């Protein structure tokens, strides 16, 4: 199982059974990959999920993440500040580096800057690419 970091939008668009990207959540629940998170990431997940669903649904999703054996809590000890355009995205980058994640799943254009940075190398793939990758594992 590989370490993966999901940005908030990637998580949000994958938790609904009606979503075409539901496979991302389903494969996480099935233990097909390791979701790497920090406390700061979990707080953002909770905040955004509460805004787009309900606090109860948000809490259920966060509890599901926390209780899965394939969730890896990461402590970051260094902030790389690689994304200047939206510094709030750096928590995902720092988590990915600390977790030695295979990639960050995101459709956020701010992450494009990472393609130009040689070190530390932080690969990113789109939500659709990750969903397709998971479908091909079946």
C-alpha atoms as a PDB file:
ATOM      1  CA  UNK A   1       0.000   0.000   0.000  1.00  0.00           C
ATOM      2  CA  UNK A   2       1.266   3.388  -0.948  1.00  0.00           C
ATOM      3  CA  UNK A   3       1.166   6.618   1.034  1.00  0.00           C
ATOM      4  CA  UNK A   4      -1.169   9.172  -0.551  1.00  0.00           C
ATOM      5  CA  UNK A   5      -2.154  12.718   0.430  1.00  0.00           C
ATOM      6  CA  UNK A   6      -5.598  13.959  -0.632  1.00  0.00           C
ATOM      7  CA  UNK A   7      -6.138  17.674  -0.750  1.00  0.00           C
ATOM      8  CA  UNK A   8      -9.451  18.759   0.727  1.00  0.00           C
ATOM      9  CA  UNK A   9     -11.318  19.069  -2.560  1.00  0.00           C
ATOM     10  CA  UNK A  10     -10.211  15.561  -3.538  1.00  0.00           C
ATOM     11  CA  UNK A  11     -11.706  14.197  -0.345  1.00  0.00           C
ATOM     12  CA  UNK A  12     -14.902  16.251  -0.649  1.00  0.00           C
ATOM     13  CA  UNK A  13     -15.652  15.090  -4.205  1.00  0.00           C
ATOM     14  CA  UNK A  14     -15.036  11.450  -3.347  1.00  0.00           C
ATOM     15  CA  UNK A  15     -17.199  10.805  -0.270  1.00  0.00           C
ATOM     16  CA  UNK A  16     -20.605  10.850  -1.939  1.00  0.00           C
ATOM     17  CA  UNK A  17     -21.813   7.537  -3.369  1.00  0.00           C
ATOM     18  CA  UNK A  18     -23.232   9.579  -6.267  1.00  0.00           C
ATOM     19  CA  UNK A  19     -19.819  10.975  -7.199  1.00  0.00           C
ATOM     20  CA  UNK A  20     -18.006   9.572 -10.222  1.00  0.00           C
ATOM     21  CA  UNK A  21     -14.906   9.668  -7.997  1.00  0.00           C
ATOM     22  CA  UNK A  22     -16.492   7.706  -5.140  1.00  0.00           C
ATOM     23  CA  UNK A  23     -13.965   4.959  -5.849  1.00  0.00           C
ATOM     24  CA  UNK A  24     -11.330   7.106  -4.104  1.00  0.00           C
ATOM     25  CA  UNK A  25     -13.254   6.961  -0.809  1.00  0.00           C
ATOM     26  CA  UNK A  26     -14.342   3.343  -1.331  1.00  0.00           C
ATOM     27  CA  UNK A  27     -10.772   2.142  -1.946  1.00  0.00           C
ATOM     28  CA  UNK A  28      -9.602   4.034   1.133  1.00  0.00           C
ATOM     29  CA  UNK A  29     -12.257   2.320   3.255  1.00  0.00           C
ATOM     30  CA  UNK A  30     -11.254  -1.007   1.666  1.00  0.00           C
ATOM     31  CA  UNK A  31      -7.641  -0.391   2.722  1.00  0.00           C
ATOM     32  CA  UNK A  32      -6.219  -0.133  -0.806  1.00  0.00           C
ATOM     33  CA  UNK A  33      -3.967   2.834   0.015  1.00  0.00           C
ATOM     34  CA  UNK A  34      -2.646   4.696   3.043  1.00  0.00           C
ATOM     35  CA  UNK A  35      -4.110   8.153   3.600  1.00  0.00           C
ATOM     36  CA  UNK A  36      -1.538  10.436   5.211  1.00  0.00           C
ATOM     37  CA  UNK A  37      -2.875  13.327   7.278  1.00  0.00           C
ATOM     38  CA  UNK A  38      -1.724  15.883   9.802  1.00  0.00           C
ATOM     39  CA  UNK A  39      -3.831  17.477  12.521  1.00  0.00           C
ATOM     40  CA  UNK A  40      -3.955  20.631  10.407  1.00  0.00           C
ATOM     41  CA  UNK A  41      -5.233  18.677   7.381  1.00  0.00           C
ATOM     42  CA  UNK A  42      -7.905  16.964   9.481  1.00  0.00           C
ATOM     43  CA  UNK A  43      -9.035  20.350  10.791  1.00  0.00           C
ATOM     44  CA  UNK A  44      -9.390  21.667   7.239  1.00  0.00           C
ATOM     45  CA  UNK A  45     -11.224  18.519   6.135  1.00  0.00           C
ATOM     46  CA  UNK A  46     -13.642  18.976   9.027  1.00  0.00           C
ATOM     47  CA  UNK A  47     -14.184  22.681   8.364  1.00  0.00           C
ATOM     48  CA  UNK A  48     -14.893  22.267   4.652  1.00  0.00           C
ATOM     49  CA  UNK A  49     -16.968  19.100   5.029  1.00  0.00           C
ATOM     50  CA  UNK A  50     -19.119  20.847   7.660  1.00  0.00           C
ATOM     51  CA  UNK A  51     -19.691  23.726   5.251  1.00  0.00           C
ATOM     52  CA  UNK A  52     -20.712  21.535   2.290  1.00  0.00           C
ATOM     53  CA  UNK A  53     -22.579  18.808   4.199  1.00  0.00           C
ATOM     54  CA  UNK A  54     -23.549  18.910   7.865  1.00  0.00           C
ATOM     55  CA  UNK A  55     -21.415  18.896  11.022  1.00  0.00           C
ATOM     56  CA  UNK A  56     -22.688  15.363  11.759  1.00  0.00           C
ATOM     57  CA  UNK A  57     -21.667  14.011   8.338  1.00  0.00           C
ATOM     58  CA  UNK A  58     -18.348  15.806   8.619  1.00  0.00           C
ATOM     59  CA  UNK A  59     -17.733  14.253  12.030  1.00  0.00           C
ATOM     60  CA  UNK A  60     -18.605  10.789  10.704  1.00  0.00           C
ATOM     61  CA  UNK A  61     -16.135  11.139   7.844  1.00  0.00           C
ATOM     62  CA  UNK A  62     -13.373  12.406  10.135  1.00  0.00           C
ATOM     63  CA  UNK A  63     -14.024   9.559  12.583  1.00  0.00           C
ATOM     64  CA  UNK A  64     -13.910   7.061   9.720  1.00  0.00           C
ATOM     65  CA  UNK A  65     -10.526   8.464   8.691  1.00  0.00           C
ATOM     66  CA  UNK A  66      -9.179   8.400  12.234  1.00  0.00           C
ATOM     67  CA  UNK A  67     -10.348   4.845  12.896  1.00  0.00           C
ATOM     68  CA  UNK A  68      -9.000   3.211   9.733  1.00  0.00           C
ATOM     69  CA  UNK A  69      -5.795   1.176  10.108  1.00  0.00           C
ATOM     70  CA  UNK A  70      -4.636   2.589   6.767  1.00  0.00           C
ATOM     71  CA  UNK A  71      -4.621   6.175   8.038  1.00  0.00           C
ATOM     72  CA  UNK A  72      -1.166   7.438   8.872  1.00  0.00           C
ATOM     73  CA  UNK A  73      -0.918  10.434  11.195  1.00  0.00           C
ATOM     74  CA  UNK A  74       2.079  12.537  10.212  1.00  0.00           C
ATOM     75  CA  UNK A  75       3.994  15.060  12.264  1.00  0.00           C
ATOM     76  CA  UNK A  76       5.767  17.634  10.131  1.00  0.00           C
ATOM     77  CA  UNK A  77       8.865  19.173  11.626  1.00  0.00           C
ATOM     78  CA  UNK A  78       9.798  21.475   8.788  1.00  0.00           C
ATOM     79  CA  UNK A  79       7.761  23.814   6.603  1.00  0.00           C
ATOM     80  CA  UNK A  80       9.090  23.995   3.064  1.00  0.00           C
ATOM     81  CA  UNK A  81       6.905  26.939   1.910  1.00  0.00           C
ATOM     82  CA  UNK A  82       6.923  25.665  -1.685  1.00  0.00           C
ATOM     83  CA  UNK A  83       3.552  27.128  -2.694  1.00  0.00           C
ATOM     84  CA  UNK A  84       3.688  30.888  -2.394  1.00  0.00           C
ATOM     85  CA  UNK A  85       0.479  31.681  -4.279  1.00  0.00           C
ATOM     86  CA  UNK A  86      -1.703  29.881  -1.700  1.00  0.00           C
ATOM     87  CA  UNK A  87       0.354  29.216   1.447  1.00  0.00           C
ATOM     88  CA  UNK A  88      -2.540  27.258   2.985  1.00  0.00           C
ATOM     89  CA  UNK A  89      -1.782  24.445   0.494  1.00  0.00           C
ATOM     90  CA  UNK A  90       1.671  23.946   1.990  1.00  0.00           C
ATOM     91  CA  UNK A  91       0.301  21.732   4.770  1.00  0.00           C
ATOM     92  CA  UNK A  92      -0.434  19.070   2.134  1.00  0.00           C
ATOM     93  CA  UNK A  93       3.006  19.435   0.568  1.00  0.00           C
ATOM     94  CA  UNK A  94       4.783  19.219   3.918  1.00  0.00           C
ATOM     95  CA  UNK A  95       2.714  16.166   4.841  1.00  0.00           C
ATOM     96  CA  UNK A  96       3.548  14.470   1.527  1.00  0.00           C
ATOM     97  CA  UNK A  97       7.266  15.116   2.005  1.00  0.00           C
ATOM     98  CA  UNK A  98       7.268  13.900   5.618  1.00  0.00           C
ATOM     99  CA  UNK A  99       5.250  10.795   4.704  1.00  0.00           C
ATOM    100  CA  UNK A 100       7.321  10.022   1.624  1.00  0.00           C
ATOM    101  CA  UNK A 101       3.990   9.938  -0.212  1.00  0.00           C
ATOM    102  CA  UNK A 102       3.776   8.650  -3.754  1.00  0.00           C
ATOM    103  CA  UNK A 103       1.812  11.777  -4.675  1.00  0.00           C
ATOM    104  CA  UNK A 104      -0.718  14.405  -3.711  1.00  0.00           C
ATOM    105  CA  UNK A 105      -4.129  14.043  -5.329  1.00  0.00           C
ATOM    106  CA  UNK A 106      -5.323  17.488  -6.355  1.00  0.00           C
ATOM    107  CA  UNK A 107      -6.900  19.506  -9.123  1.00  0.00           C
ATOM    108  CA  UNK A 108      -5.781  22.778  -7.519  1.00  0.00           C
ATOM    109  CA  UNK A 109      -3.742  24.844  -9.986  1.00  0.00           C
ATOM    110  CA  UNK A 110      -1.541  26.216  -7.193  1.00  0.00           C
ATOM    111  CA  UNK A 111       0.255  22.870  -7.029  1.00  0.00           C
ATOM    112  CA  UNK A 112       1.549  23.279 -10.606  1.00  0.00           C
ATOM    113  CA  UNK A 113       4.538  25.161  -9.210  1.00  0.00           C
ATOM    114  CA  UNK A 114       5.783  21.870  -7.737  1.00  0.00           C
ATOM    115  CA  UNK A 115       6.543  20.600 -11.248  1.00  0.00           C
ATOM    116  CA  UNK A 116       9.338  23.192 -11.462  1.00  0.00           C
ATOM    117  CA  UNK A 117      10.936  22.341  -8.117  1.00  0.00           C
ATOM    118  CA  UNK A 118      13.679  19.721  -8.247  1.00  0.00           C
ATOM    119  CA  UNK A 119      14.070  19.243  -4.511  1.00  0.00           C
ATOM    120  CA  UNK A 120      12.160  18.147  -2.658  1.00  0.00           C
ATOM    121  CA  UNK A 121      10.242  16.434  -5.461  1.00  0.00           C
ATOM    122  CA  UNK A 122       6.519  16.262  -4.744  1.00  0.00           C
ATOM    123  CA  UNK A 123       4.515  14.553  -7.501  1.00  0.00           C
ATOM    124  CA  UNK A 124       0.861  15.444  -7.947  1.00  0.00           C
ATOM    125  CA  UNK A 125      -1.885  13.752  -9.934  1.00  0.00           C
ATOM    126  CA  UNK A 126      -5.436  14.830 -10.675  1.00  0.00           C
ATOM    127  CA  UNK A 127      -8.507  13.420  -9.017  1.00  0.00           C
ATOM    128  CA  UNK A 128      -9.542  11.718 -12.263  1.00  0.00           C
ATOM    129  CA  UNK A 129      -6.079  10.199 -12.744  1.00  0.00           C
ATOM    130  CA  UNK A 130      -6.144   8.756  -9.225  1.00  0.00           C
ATOM    131  CA  UNK A 131      -9.672   7.396  -9.679  1.00  0.00           C
ATOM    132  CA  UNK A 132      -8.573   5.758 -12.958  1.00  0.00           C
ATOM    133  CA  UNK A 133      -5.498   4.300 -11.267  1.00  0.00           C
ATOM    134  CA  UNK A 134      -7.717   2.790  -8.565  1.00  0.00           C
ATOM    135  CA  UNK A 135     -10.144   1.403 -11.163  1.00  0.00           C
ATOM    136  CA  UNK A 136      -7.252  -0.300 -12.948  1.00  0.00           C
ATOM    137  CA  UNK A 137      -6.272  -2.081  -9.706  1.00  0.00           C
ATOM    138  CA  UNK A 138      -9.540  -4.026  -9.697  1.00  0.00           C
END
